[in-house]
Amino acid sequence: MKHSKHIGFLILMAISSNLWAYGSSSSSSACAKPKFTDFTPAEHSEVVAGSDFSFIASENTASNSIVVTVKDLATTLKITPENNGTFKISGKLPSPLKDVYARIAISAQSNSSCLGDAGWLIHINQ
């Protein structure tokens, strides 16, 4: 009888220690990356050099952390807060880029310092 009490106690300890090892979802903070949508012009579009582009950044984006490059060239951005908490980001394609495929690459941090990135490919005509 003594051994069965000890075995039962050991089994309970093993089960409870396994449960504690994983923790609960409320005890660990999840990383919510910023999201980017509504890319204009659309992916794989053909556009002329110096054209406008835009996209929407989610409401958890730290607007001061948004960086956009086009074929590794920095661009000047206009960031407009929307009524729903998102941000409309707009800019112009760098004028030196002509007759080339280019990726509009986005990176930004969320308000909780999680890094997110996205982008899309376009063809820039002369």
N, C-alpha and C. Protein backbone atom coordinates (compact mmCIF):
# COMPACT_ATOMS: atom_id res chain seq x y z
N MET A 1 0.82 -1.19 0.00
CA MET A 1 0.00 0.00 0.00
C MET A 1 0.86 1.25 0.00
N LYS A 2 2.00 1.17 0.73
CA LYS A 2 2.89 2.32 0.78
C LYS A 2 3.44 2.68 -0.59
N HIS A 3 3.78 1.66 -1.37
CA HIS A 3 4.36 1.90 -2.68
C HIS A 3 3.34 2.53 -3.63
N SER A 4 2.09 2.14 -3.55
CA SER A 4 1.08 2.69 -4.45
C SER A 4 0.85 4.17 -4.15
N LYS A 5 0.94 4.59 -2.90
CA LYS A 5 0.81 6.02 -2.57
C LYS A 5 1.97 6.81 -3.17
N HIS A 6 3.18 6.26 -3.07
CA HIS A 6 4.34 6.95 -3.62
C HIS A 6 4.28 7.01 -5.15
N ILE A 7 3.83 5.94 -5.78
CA ILE A 7 3.72 5.92 -7.25
C ILE A 7 2.67 6.93 -7.71
N GLY A 8 1.55 6.98 -7.03
CA GLY A 8 0.50 7.95 -7.36
C GLY A 8 1.01 9.38 -7.20
N PHE A 9 1.76 9.62 -6.14
CA PHE A 9 2.32 10.95 -5.90
C PHE A 9 3.32 11.32 -7.01
N LEU A 10 4.16 10.38 -7.41
CA LEU A 10 5.15 10.63 -8.46
C LEU A 10 4.47 10.91 -9.81
N ILE A 11 3.39 10.18 -10.09
CA ILE A 11 2.65 10.41 -11.34
C ILE A 11 2.04 11.80 -11.34
N LEU A 12 1.44 12.20 -10.24
CA LEU A 12 0.87 13.55 -10.14
C LEU A 12 1.95 14.62 -10.31
N MET A 13 3.10 14.43 -9.73
CA MET A 13 4.20 15.39 -9.85
C MET A 13 4.66 15.49 -11.30
N ALA A 14 4.78 14.35 -11.97
CA ALA A 14 5.23 14.35 -13.36
C ALA A 14 4.24 15.08 -14.26
N ILE A 15 2.96 14.85 -14.07
CA ILE A 15 1.93 15.50 -14.88
C ILE A 15 1.93 17.00 -14.62
N SER A 16 1.94 17.40 -13.36
CA SER A 16 1.87 18.84 -13.06
C SER A 16 3.13 19.56 -13.51
N SER A 17 4.30 18.94 -13.44
CA SER A 17 5.51 19.62 -13.89
C SER A 17 5.51 19.79 -15.41
N ASN A 18 4.93 18.83 -16.15
CA ASN A 18 4.82 18.97 -17.60
C ASN A 18 3.88 20.11 -17.96
N LEU A 19 2.81 20.27 -17.24
CA LEU A 19 1.88 21.37 -17.50
C LEU A 19 2.53 22.72 -17.23
N TRP A 20 3.28 22.83 -16.16
CA TRP A 20 3.94 24.08 -15.83
C TRP A 20 5.04 24.43 -16.83
N ALA A 21 5.65 23.45 -17.43
CA ALA A 21 6.75 23.69 -18.37
C ALA A 21 6.29 24.47 -19.59
N TYR A 22 5.07 24.24 -20.02
CA TYR A 22 4.59 24.91 -21.21
C TYR A 22 4.03 26.29 -20.92
N GLY A 23 3.63 26.58 -19.74
CA GLY A 23 3.06 27.88 -19.41
C GLY A 23 1.72 28.07 -20.09
N SER A 24 1.11 29.20 -19.82
CA SER A 24 -0.18 29.48 -20.46
C SER A 24 0.02 30.59 -21.48
N SER A 25 -0.90 30.67 -22.41
CA SER A 25 -0.78 31.69 -23.44
C SER A 25 -0.88 33.09 -22.87
N SER A 26 -1.57 33.25 -21.76
CA SER A 26 -1.70 34.58 -21.17
C SER A 26 -0.42 35.02 -20.47
N SER A 27 0.44 34.07 -20.10
CA SER A 27 1.66 34.45 -19.40
C SER A 27 2.77 34.87 -20.36
N SER A 28 2.68 34.47 -21.63
CA SER A 28 3.70 34.86 -22.58
C SER A 28 3.10 35.84 -23.58
N SER A 29 3.82 36.91 -23.85
CA SER A 29 3.29 37.90 -24.77
C SER A 29 3.63 37.49 -26.20
N ALA A 30 2.64 37.47 -27.04
CA ALA A 30 2.82 37.09 -28.44
C ALA A 30 3.35 38.30 -29.22
N CYS A 31 4.10 38.02 -30.23
CA CYS A 31 4.65 39.07 -31.08
C CYS A 31 3.69 39.30 -32.25
N ALA A 32 3.09 40.46 -32.30
CA ALA A 32 2.16 40.79 -33.38
C ALA A 32 2.87 41.67 -34.39
N LYS A 33 3.26 41.07 -35.52
CA LYS A 33 3.98 41.80 -36.56
C LYS A 33 3.03 42.75 -37.28
N PRO A 34 3.55 43.87 -37.78
CA PRO A 34 2.71 44.74 -38.61
C PRO A 34 2.38 44.03 -39.92
N LYS A 35 1.23 44.35 -40.47
CA LYS A 35 0.79 43.75 -41.72
C LYS A 35 0.61 44.85 -42.76
N PHE A 36 0.82 44.50 -44.03
CA PHE A 36 0.75 45.45 -45.11
C PHE A 36 -0.19 44.91 -46.19
N THR A 37 -1.10 45.76 -46.68
CA THR A 37 -2.11 45.34 -47.64
C THR A 37 -2.35 46.43 -48.68
N ASP A 38 -3.24 46.15 -49.61
CA ASP A 38 -3.73 47.10 -50.62
C ASP A 38 -2.60 47.75 -51.41
N PHE A 39 -1.72 46.92 -51.98
CA PHE A 39 -0.57 47.42 -52.74
C PHE A 39 -1.03 48.01 -54.08
N THR A 40 -0.59 49.23 -54.36
CA THR A 40 -0.89 49.91 -55.62
C THR A 40 0.40 50.50 -56.16
N PRO A 41 0.77 50.25 -57.38
CA PRO A 41 0.10 49.41 -58.38
C PRO A 41 0.16 47.94 -57.99
N ALA A 42 -0.67 47.15 -58.63
CA ALA A 42 -0.75 45.72 -58.30
C ALA A 42 0.56 45.02 -58.65
N GLU A 43 0.78 43.89 -57.97
CA GLU A 43 1.98 43.08 -58.24
C GLU A 43 2.06 42.72 -59.72
N HIS A 44 3.26 42.77 -60.27
CA HIS A 44 3.59 42.45 -61.66
C HIS A 44 3.04 43.46 -62.66
N SER A 45 2.62 44.63 -62.17
CA SER A 45 2.15 45.68 -63.07
C SER A 45 3.32 46.31 -63.81
N GLU A 46 3.01 46.90 -64.97
CA GLU A 46 3.99 47.72 -65.68
C GLU A 46 3.63 49.17 -65.44
N VAL A 47 4.62 49.95 -65.00
CA VAL A 47 4.40 51.36 -64.69
C VAL A 47 5.51 52.19 -65.33
N VAL A 48 5.29 53.49 -65.42
CA VAL A 48 6.33 54.37 -65.95
C VAL A 48 7.23 54.83 -64.81
N ALA A 49 8.43 55.21 -65.14
CA ALA A 49 9.40 55.69 -64.15
C ALA A 49 8.82 56.88 -63.39
N GLY A 50 9.05 56.93 -62.10
CA GLY A 50 8.57 58.04 -61.26
C GLY A 50 7.12 57.92 -60.85
N SER A 51 6.47 56.79 -61.12
CA SER A 51 5.05 56.60 -60.76
C SER A 51 4.85 56.58 -59.25
N ASP A 52 3.61 56.84 -58.86
CA ASP A 52 3.23 56.76 -57.44
C ASP A 52 3.00 55.31 -57.05
N PHE A 53 3.21 55.01 -55.77
CA PHE A 53 2.84 53.71 -55.19
C PHE A 53 2.23 53.97 -53.83
N SER A 54 1.46 53.00 -53.34
CA SER A 54 0.87 53.14 -52.01
C SER A 54 0.51 51.77 -51.44
N PHE A 55 0.30 51.75 -50.14
CA PHE A 55 -0.15 50.54 -49.44
C PHE A 55 -0.68 50.96 -48.09
N ILE A 56 -1.30 50.02 -47.40
CA ILE A 56 -1.85 50.25 -46.06
C ILE A 56 -1.04 49.46 -45.05
N ALA A 57 -0.69 50.11 -43.94
CA ALA A 57 0.00 49.44 -42.83
C ALA A 57 -1.01 49.28 -41.69
N SER A 58 -0.96 48.15 -41.01
CA SER A 58 -1.91 47.85 -39.93
C SER A 58 -1.78 48.82 -38.77
N GLU A 59 -2.82 48.84 -37.93
CA GLU A 59 -2.89 49.80 -36.82
C GLU A 59 -1.82 49.56 -35.77
N ASN A 60 -1.22 48.39 -35.70
CA ASN A 60 -0.18 48.16 -34.69
C ASN A 60 1.22 48.53 -35.20
N THR A 61 1.30 49.18 -36.35
CA THR A 61 2.59 49.58 -36.92
C THR A 61 3.09 50.86 -36.25
N ALA A 62 4.35 50.87 -35.85
CA ALA A 62 4.99 52.10 -35.36
C ALA A 62 5.34 52.91 -36.60
N SER A 63 4.58 53.96 -36.87
CA SER A 63 4.70 54.69 -38.13
C SER A 63 6.09 55.27 -38.36
N ASN A 64 6.80 55.59 -37.29
CA ASN A 64 8.14 56.16 -37.45
C ASN A 64 9.19 55.12 -37.81
N SER A 65 8.82 53.84 -37.86
CA SER A 65 9.78 52.78 -38.18
C SER A 65 9.63 52.26 -39.61
N ILE A 66 8.70 52.80 -40.37
CA ILE A 66 8.44 52.30 -41.72
C ILE A 66 9.56 52.72 -42.67
N VAL A 67 10.13 51.74 -43.36
CA VAL A 67 11.17 51.99 -44.36
C VAL A 67 10.77 51.29 -45.64
N VAL A 68 10.84 52.02 -46.76
CA VAL A 68 10.54 51.45 -48.06
C VAL A 68 11.73 51.69 -48.98
N THR A 69 12.16 50.63 -49.65
CA THR A 69 13.20 50.75 -50.66
C THR A 69 12.67 50.15 -51.96
N VAL A 70 13.15 50.69 -53.06
CA VAL A 70 12.79 50.15 -54.37
C VAL A 70 14.10 49.82 -55.06
N LYS A 71 14.32 48.54 -55.28
CA LYS A 71 15.58 48.04 -55.84
C LYS A 71 16.76 48.63 -55.04
N ASP A 72 16.65 48.55 -53.73
CA ASP A 72 17.66 49.01 -52.77
C ASP A 72 17.87 50.53 -52.75
N LEU A 73 17.01 51.30 -53.38
CA LEU A 73 17.07 52.76 -53.30
C LEU A 73 16.01 53.24 -52.33
N ALA A 74 16.40 54.13 -51.43
CA ALA A 74 15.45 54.68 -50.45
C ALA A 74 14.45 55.60 -51.15
N THR A 75 13.27 55.70 -50.57
CA THR A 75 12.23 56.58 -51.11
C THR A 75 11.71 57.50 -50.02
N THR A 76 11.17 58.62 -50.42
CA THR A 76 10.52 59.54 -49.49
C THR A 76 9.07 59.11 -49.37
N LEU A 77 8.58 59.03 -48.14
CA LEU A 77 7.23 58.53 -47.88
C LEU A 77 6.33 59.60 -47.32
N LYS A 78 5.06 59.48 -47.63
CA LYS A 78 4.02 60.27 -46.99
C LYS A 78 3.19 59.28 -46.19
N ILE A 79 3.08 59.50 -44.87
CA ILE A 79 2.35 58.60 -43.99
C ILE A 79 1.12 59.33 -43.49
N THR A 80 -0.05 58.79 -43.83
CA THR A 80 -1.32 59.42 -43.47
C THR A 80 -2.11 58.50 -42.56
N PRO A 81 -2.39 58.92 -41.30
CA PRO A 81 -3.23 58.10 -40.43
C PRO A 81 -4.66 58.05 -40.97
N GLU A 82 -5.25 56.86 -40.96
CA GLU A 82 -6.63 56.67 -41.40
C GLU A 82 -7.54 56.65 -40.18
N ASN A 83 -8.84 56.82 -40.38
CA ASN A 83 -9.81 56.85 -39.28
C ASN A 83 -9.88 55.53 -38.51
N ASN A 84 -9.59 54.41 -39.16
CA ASN A 84 -9.69 53.11 -38.50
C ASN A 84 -8.41 52.71 -37.77
N GLY A 85 -7.42 53.62 -37.68
CA GLY A 85 -6.18 53.34 -36.96
C GLY A 85 -5.05 52.85 -37.84
N THR A 86 -5.34 52.52 -39.10
CA THR A 86 -4.28 52.09 -40.01
C THR A 86 -3.56 53.31 -40.57
N PHE A 87 -2.54 53.06 -41.39
CA PHE A 87 -1.79 54.14 -42.01
C PHE A 87 -1.74 53.91 -43.51
N LYS A 88 -2.01 54.97 -44.29
CA LYS A 88 -1.83 54.90 -45.74
C LYS A 88 -0.43 55.44 -46.02
N ILE A 89 0.37 54.63 -46.68
CA ILE A 89 1.74 54.99 -47.01
C ILE A 89 1.80 55.22 -48.51
N SER A 90 2.35 56.34 -48.93
CA SER A 90 2.48 56.61 -50.36
C SER A 90 3.84 57.21 -50.65
N GLY A 91 4.27 57.05 -51.89
CA GLY A 91 5.56 57.58 -52.32
C GLY A 91 5.66 57.51 -53.83
N LYS A 92 6.84 57.89 -54.34
CA LYS A 92 7.12 57.84 -55.78
C LYS A 92 8.29 56.90 -56.01
N LEU A 93 8.22 56.17 -57.11
CA LEU A 93 9.33 55.32 -57.50
C LEU A 93 10.54 56.19 -57.83
N PRO A 94 11.73 55.79 -57.43
CA PRO A 94 12.93 56.58 -57.74
C PRO A 94 13.09 56.78 -59.25
N SER A 95 13.34 58.02 -59.67
CA SER A 95 13.40 58.34 -61.09
C SER A 95 14.54 57.66 -61.85
N PRO A 96 15.67 57.29 -61.22
CA PRO A 96 16.72 56.61 -62.00
C PRO A 96 16.33 55.21 -62.49
N LEU A 97 15.29 54.63 -61.93
CA LEU A 97 14.91 53.27 -62.30
C LEU A 97 14.05 53.30 -63.56
N LYS A 98 14.61 52.73 -64.65
CA LYS A 98 13.89 52.69 -65.93
C LYS A 98 14.18 51.37 -66.62
N ASP A 99 13.14 50.82 -67.23
CA ASP A 99 13.24 49.56 -67.97
C ASP A 99 13.88 48.46 -67.12
N VAL A 100 13.29 48.25 -65.94
CA VAL A 100 13.83 47.28 -64.99
C VAL A 100 12.69 46.70 -64.14
N TYR A 101 12.87 45.48 -63.70
CA TYR A 101 11.97 44.92 -62.69
C TYR A 101 12.49 45.35 -61.33
N ALA A 102 11.58 45.74 -60.44
CA ALA A 102 12.00 46.23 -59.12
C ALA A 102 11.04 45.74 -58.06
N ARG A 103 11.59 45.45 -56.91
CA ARG A 103 10.77 45.07 -55.76
C ARG A 103 10.60 46.29 -54.87
N ILE A 104 9.36 46.58 -54.54
CA ILE A 104 9.07 47.61 -53.53
C ILE A 104 9.08 46.86 -52.21
N ALA A 105 10.11 47.08 -51.41
CA ALA A 105 10.32 46.34 -50.17
C ALA A 105 9.97 47.20 -48.96
N ILE A 106 9.18 46.64 -48.07
CA ILE A 106 8.71 47.34 -46.87
C ILE A 106 9.24 46.63 -45.64
N SER A 107 9.67 47.41 -44.66
CA SER A 107 9.95 46.84 -43.34
C SER A 107 9.51 47.86 -42.29
N ALA A 108 9.03 47.35 -41.17
CA ALA A 108 8.58 48.21 -40.08
C ALA A 108 8.47 47.39 -38.81
N GLN A 109 8.43 48.09 -37.69
CA GLN A 109 8.23 47.44 -36.41
C GLN A 109 6.81 47.71 -35.93
N SER A 110 6.30 46.78 -35.14
CA SER A 110 5.00 47.00 -34.51
C SER A 110 5.22 47.82 -33.25
N ASN A 111 4.15 48.21 -32.63
CA ASN A 111 4.25 48.96 -31.37
C ASN A 111 4.89 48.12 -30.28
N SER A 112 4.90 46.80 -30.43
CA SER A 112 5.53 45.91 -29.46
C SER A 112 6.92 45.47 -29.93
N SER A 113 7.50 46.22 -30.87
CA SER A 113 8.87 46.00 -31.39
C SER A 113 9.07 44.70 -32.14
N CYS A 114 8.02 44.19 -32.77
CA CYS A 114 8.15 43.01 -33.62
C CYS A 114 8.38 43.48 -35.05
N LEU A 115 9.35 42.90 -35.72
CA LEU A 115 9.68 43.31 -37.08
C LEU A 115 8.81 42.57 -38.09
N GLY A 116 8.27 43.33 -39.04
CA GLY A 116 7.49 42.75 -40.12
C GLY A 116 8.00 43.28 -41.45
N ASP A 117 7.84 42.50 -42.50
CA ASP A 117 8.25 42.97 -43.81
C ASP A 117 7.33 42.40 -44.89
N ALA A 118 7.34 43.04 -46.02
CA ALA A 118 6.53 42.63 -47.16
C ALA A 118 7.06 43.35 -48.40
N GLY A 119 6.40 43.14 -49.50
CA GLY A 119 6.78 43.83 -50.71
C GLY A 119 6.12 43.22 -51.92
N TRP A 120 6.35 43.85 -53.07
CA TRP A 120 5.79 43.33 -54.30
C TRP A 120 6.66 43.76 -55.48
N LEU A 121 6.55 43.00 -56.56
CA LEU A 121 7.39 43.20 -57.74
C LEU A 121 6.60 43.92 -58.82
N ILE A 122 7.26 44.90 -59.44
CA ILE A 122 6.66 45.64 -60.56
C ILE A 122 7.69 45.76 -61.69
N HIS A 123 7.23 46.12 -62.87
CA HIS A 123 8.12 46.38 -63.98
C HIS A 123 8.04 47.87 -64.30
N ILE A 124 9.18 48.54 -64.26
CA ILE A 124 9.22 49.99 -64.52
C ILE A 124 9.68 50.20 -65.96
N ASN A 125 8.82 50.80 -66.77
CA ASN A 125 9.14 51.14 -68.16
C ASN A 125 9.83 52.49 -68.19
N GLN A 126 10.24 52.87 -69.39
CA GLN A 126 10.83 54.21 -69.56
C GLN A 126 9.74 55.19 -69.68
